[in-house]
Amino acid sequence: MIDPANGEHVNERPRREPFATRLPLLFPGSLGDEQRAVYEAVTGGARAGRAPASAADGPAKAAAFRFVDDAGRLLGPFNAMLYSPSVGQPLQDLGAALRFRTAFTKREREIATLVVAARLRSDFEWYAHERIGLRAGLEEHEVDALREGRAPMLADVRERVVYEAARQLAAEHDLGDAVFTEAVATLGRAAVVELVTLVGYYAALALQLRVFRVGVPDGEPAPVWPPEDGED
């Protein structure tokens, strides 16, 4: 619908553009000192594949997804972090902690993250973590099930608990007593705290990505979501 007063479109879904349209991408040369510190924290270390998370992970690998463009500008949620370094720095550090410093296996972590991305239909979040998840050992059929909102066939008990707890957190913003009790018994209290924080973190990023109209990088295919209720 078009507002007759100003000609703007209202009550329509946000368009998914290849790059942020509400927060222009910032060139590295334009950054202040605090912004530069955030930039270097994002582009250096494990997130960029420049250092393994632990010695057991072996040599570093190239990043699984594109989060810097050819001009060196940050893509995805990271560009927004530069606009408010006082928030962006702890936010990116929390993300790094959740990806590299929790008790979860890589598969468990990516199952939970993809549950959030699919529930919130976050294109960039799915683009990034589908690739991370496949590299972490998720199978194509497991990833497809998560994207379509179906429970994947998981043989591991911990993974099944992670999936169900993440699904309930993303859908209901709470954990019922039965799921909470099972999660504590299977994962431990510390891991439940980490899981709740992980779901909240990626939900917050998904909200930013939606508000700032951030899609997948240019040239990358957007995920194909199943029809929502009422859609053909």
Protein backbone atom coordinates (compact mmCIF):
# COMPACT_ATOMS: atom_id res chain seq x y z
CA MET A 1 0.00 0.00 0.00
CA ILE A 2 1.23 3.54 -0.78
CA ASP A 3 0.79 6.39 1.66
CA PRO A 4 -1.07 9.11 -0.31
CA ALA A 5 0.60 11.83 1.74
CA ASN A 6 4.19 11.07 0.86
CA GLY A 7 4.09 8.27 -1.69
CA GLU A 8 6.01 5.85 0.51
CA HIS A 9 5.15 2.19 0.73
CA VAL A 10 3.71 1.19 4.11
CA ASN A 11 2.56 -2.06 5.68
CA GLU A 12 4.75 -4.07 3.35
CA ARG A 13 7.45 -6.56 4.18
CA PRO A 14 10.98 -5.12 4.12
CA ARG A 15 12.74 -5.77 0.85
CA ARG A 16 15.79 -7.97 1.16
CA GLU A 17 18.65 -6.12 -0.50
CA PRO A 18 22.14 -7.49 -1.14
CA PHE A 19 23.71 -4.90 1.15
CA ALA A 20 22.58 -2.71 4.03
CA THR A 21 20.36 0.08 2.73
CA ARG A 22 19.71 1.94 5.98
CA LEU A 23 23.27 1.90 7.34
CA PRO A 24 25.77 2.62 4.58
CA LEU A 25 28.75 0.27 4.59
CA LEU A 26 31.74 2.01 6.19
CA PHE A 27 35.11 2.03 4.47
CA PRO A 28 38.05 0.98 6.68
CA GLY A 29 39.84 4.26 5.99
CA SER A 30 36.95 6.28 7.40
CA LEU A 31 36.90 4.61 10.82
CA GLY A 32 37.78 6.30 14.09
CA ASP A 33 39.93 4.64 16.74
CA GLU A 34 37.08 2.89 18.56
CA GLN A 35 35.53 1.77 15.29
CA ARG A 36 38.91 0.50 14.14
CA ALA A 37 39.20 -1.62 17.29
CA VAL A 38 35.85 -3.26 16.52
CA TYR A 39 36.84 -3.77 12.89
CA GLU A 40 40.11 -5.45 13.85
CA ALA A 41 38.39 -7.64 16.43
CA VAL A 42 35.90 -8.86 13.80
CA THR A 43 38.39 -9.37 10.96
CA GLY A 44 41.18 -10.88 13.04
CA GLY A 45 41.40 -14.22 14.82
CA ALA A 46 39.16 -17.26 14.69
CA ARG A 47 36.15 -15.59 13.05
CA ALA A 48 38.23 -14.87 9.96
CA GLY A 49 39.85 -18.29 10.05
CA ARG A 50 43.21 -16.83 11.03
CA ALA A 51 43.53 -18.86 14.20
CA PRO A 52 42.03 -22.18 15.27
CA ALA A 53 39.65 -22.11 18.22
CA SER A 54 41.86 -24.68 19.95
CA ALA A 55 44.89 -26.80 19.16
CA ALA A 56 42.59 -29.77 18.65
CA ASP A 57 40.96 -28.00 15.70
CA GLY A 58 44.18 -28.18 13.70
CA PRO A 59 45.40 -25.47 11.31
CA ALA A 60 43.31 -22.42 10.59
CA LYS A 61 40.90 -22.50 7.65
CA ALA A 62 39.55 -19.73 5.46
CA ALA A 63 36.32 -18.15 6.68
CA ALA A 64 33.24 -20.19 5.79
CA PHE A 65 31.29 -17.15 4.57
CA ARG A 66 31.86 -13.64 3.26
CA PHE A 67 31.68 -10.92 5.89
CA VAL A 68 34.05 -8.42 4.22
CA ASP A 69 33.53 -7.06 0.71
CA ASP A 70 36.20 -6.34 -1.90
CA ALA A 71 36.63 -2.83 -0.51
CA GLY A 72 37.23 -4.14 3.00
CA ARG A 73 33.81 -3.06 4.32
CA LEU A 74 32.10 -5.29 6.89
CA LEU A 75 28.96 -7.13 5.80
CA GLY A 76 26.09 -8.75 7.67
CA PRO A 77 25.58 -7.67 11.28
CA PHE A 78 29.15 -6.45 11.65
CA ASN A 79 28.71 -3.16 9.79
CA ALA A 80 26.12 -2.03 12.36
CA MET A 81 28.59 -2.74 15.16
CA LEU A 82 30.86 -0.04 13.78
CA TYR A 83 28.19 2.64 14.17
CA SER A 84 28.15 2.23 17.96
CA PRO A 85 31.51 0.84 19.05
CA SER A 86 30.59 0.96 22.73
CA VAL A 87 27.83 -1.56 21.96
CA GLY A 88 29.46 -3.20 18.95
CA GLN A 89 32.65 -4.22 20.74
CA PRO A 90 31.00 -6.22 23.55
CA LEU A 91 28.43 -7.54 21.09
CA GLN A 92 31.05 -8.94 18.72
CA ASP A 93 32.97 -10.36 21.69
CA LEU A 94 29.82 -12.10 22.93
CA GLY A 95 29.36 -13.57 19.46
CA ALA A 96 32.95 -14.81 19.43
CA ALA A 97 32.49 -16.34 22.88
CA LEU A 98 29.33 -18.13 21.77
CA ARG A 99 30.99 -19.48 18.63
CA PHE A 100 34.36 -20.44 20.05
CA ARG A 101 34.25 -20.64 23.84
CA THR A 102 31.18 -22.62 24.92
CA ALA A 103 30.76 -26.24 26.00
CA PHE A 104 28.88 -27.15 22.81
CA THR A 105 30.26 -29.14 19.93
CA LYS A 106 30.35 -27.35 16.60
CA ARG A 107 27.36 -29.36 15.39
CA GLU A 108 25.33 -28.57 18.52
CA ARG A 109 26.11 -24.87 18.25
CA GLU A 110 25.15 -24.68 14.60
CA ILE A 111 21.94 -26.66 15.11
CA ALA A 112 20.84 -24.07 17.68
CA THR A 113 21.92 -21.12 15.52
CA LEU A 114 20.17 -22.42 12.42
CA VAL A 115 16.99 -22.99 14.41
CA VAL A 116 16.97 -19.27 15.25
CA ALA A 117 17.85 -18.18 11.71
CA ALA A 118 15.08 -20.31 10.25
CA ARG A 119 12.48 -19.29 12.82
CA LEU A 120 13.18 -15.60 12.18
CA ARG A 121 13.82 -16.08 8.45
CA SER A 122 17.06 -14.18 8.68
CA ASP A 123 18.68 -14.42 5.25
CA PHE A 124 22.22 -13.40 6.17
CA GLU A 125 22.20 -15.40 9.39
CA TRP A 126 21.13 -18.49 7.46
CA TYR A 127 23.59 -17.81 4.62
CA ALA A 128 26.49 -17.65 7.10
CA HIS A 129 25.58 -20.46 9.43
CA GLU A 130 24.45 -22.92 6.79
CA ARG A 131 28.01 -22.79 5.52
CA ILE A 132 29.50 -22.95 8.99
CA GLY A 133 27.19 -25.83 9.87
CA LEU A 134 28.12 -27.89 6.80
CA ARG A 135 31.77 -27.34 7.59
CA ALA A 136 31.06 -28.43 11.18
CA GLY A 137 29.68 -31.75 9.98
CA LEU A 138 25.96 -31.19 9.51
CA GLU A 139 24.49 -33.18 6.63
CA GLU A 140 22.54 -31.59 3.80
CA HIS A 141 19.33 -33.36 4.85
CA GLU A 142 19.75 -32.07 8.41
CA VAL A 143 20.25 -28.52 7.18
CA ASP A 144 17.24 -28.81 4.86
CA ALA A 145 15.06 -29.99 7.73
CA LEU A 146 16.13 -27.06 9.90
CA ARG A 147 15.45 -24.56 7.11
CA GLU A 148 12.00 -26.00 6.58
CA GLY A 149 11.15 -25.94 10.29
CA ARG A 150 11.22 -29.72 10.66
CA ALA A 151 13.00 -31.72 13.34
CA PRO A 152 16.09 -33.30 11.80
CA MET A 153 16.82 -36.98 12.40
CA LEU A 154 19.49 -36.69 15.05
CA ALA A 155 21.04 -39.82 16.56
CA ASP A 156 22.85 -37.98 19.34
CA VAL A 157 20.85 -37.35 22.54
CA ARG A 158 22.58 -34.05 23.30
CA GLU A 159 21.86 -32.76 19.80
CA ARG A 160 18.19 -33.67 20.10
CA VAL A 161 17.97 -31.79 23.41
CA VAL A 162 19.80 -28.77 21.95
CA TYR A 163 17.43 -28.74 18.99
CA GLU A 164 14.25 -29.00 21.07
CA ALA A 165 15.38 -26.42 23.62
CA ALA A 166 16.47 -23.97 20.89
CA ARG A 167 13.23 -24.54 18.99
CA GLN A 168 11.14 -23.81 22.06
CA LEU A 169 13.21 -20.77 23.00
CA ALA A 170 12.95 -19.31 19.49
CA ALA A 171 9.25 -20.03 19.16
CA GLU A 172 7.97 -19.35 22.67
CA HIS A 173 10.74 -17.25 24.28
CA ASP A 174 10.70 -19.63 27.23
CA LEU A 175 11.43 -23.21 28.23
CA GLY A 176 8.74 -25.42 29.67
CA ASP A 177 9.54 -27.34 32.84
CA ALA A 178 9.94 -30.68 31.05
CA VAL A 179 12.37 -29.35 28.43
CA PHE A 180 14.29 -27.31 31.00
CA THR A 181 14.69 -30.32 33.29
CA GLU A 182 15.84 -32.52 30.42
CA ALA A 183 18.26 -29.85 29.19
CA VAL A 184 19.84 -29.46 32.63
CA ALA A 185 20.10 -33.23 33.08
CA THR A 186 21.63 -33.76 29.63
CA LEU A 187 23.69 -30.62 29.06
CA GLY A 188 24.32 -29.21 32.52
CA ARG A 189 23.31 -25.85 33.98
CA ALA A 190 26.23 -23.94 32.49
CA ALA A 191 25.39 -25.13 28.98
CA VAL A 192 21.73 -24.21 29.44
CA VAL A 193 22.82 -20.66 30.32
CA GLU A 194 24.99 -20.62 27.21
CA LEU A 195 22.18 -21.95 25.03
CA VAL A 196 19.65 -19.37 26.24
CA THR A 197 22.26 -16.65 25.62
CA LEU A 198 23.06 -18.01 22.16
CA VAL A 199 19.41 -17.97 21.12
CA GLY A 200 18.99 -14.43 22.46
CA TYR A 201 22.15 -13.21 20.73
CA TYR A 202 21.24 -14.52 17.29
CA ALA A 203 17.67 -13.30 17.70
CA ALA A 204 19.07 -9.82 18.43
CA LEU A 205 21.27 -9.98 15.34
CA ALA A 206 18.33 -11.14 13.25
CA LEU A 207 16.34 -8.12 14.43
CA GLN A 208 19.17 -5.77 13.47
CA LEU A 209 19.53 -7.41 10.08
CA ARG A 210 15.81 -6.99 9.44
CA VAL A 211 15.61 -3.39 10.64
CA PHE A 212 18.70 -2.32 8.70
CA ARG A 213 17.59 -4.25 5.57
CA VAL A 214 20.67 -6.44 5.34
CA GLY A 215 20.52 -9.36 2.93
CA VAL A 216 23.05 -11.89 1.71
CA PRO A 217 26.24 -10.65 0.04
CA ASP A 218 25.97 -9.65 -3.59
CA GLY A 219 26.05 -12.67 -5.86
CA GLU A 220 25.09 -15.16 -3.15
CA PRO A 221 21.71 -16.94 -3.31
CA ALA A 222 19.19 -16.11 -0.61
CA PRO A 223 17.72 -19.06 1.29
CA VAL A 224 14.43 -20.46 0.03
CA TRP A 225 11.99 -20.42 2.94
CA PRO A 226 8.89 -22.61 3.06
CA PRO A 227 5.58 -20.78 2.63
CA GLU A 228 4.19 -19.23 5.77
CA ASP A 229 0.62 -19.85 6.87
CA GLY A 230 -1.70 -18.18 4.38
CA GLU A 231 0.88 -18.12 1.60
CA ASP A 232 0.62 -20.20 -1.56
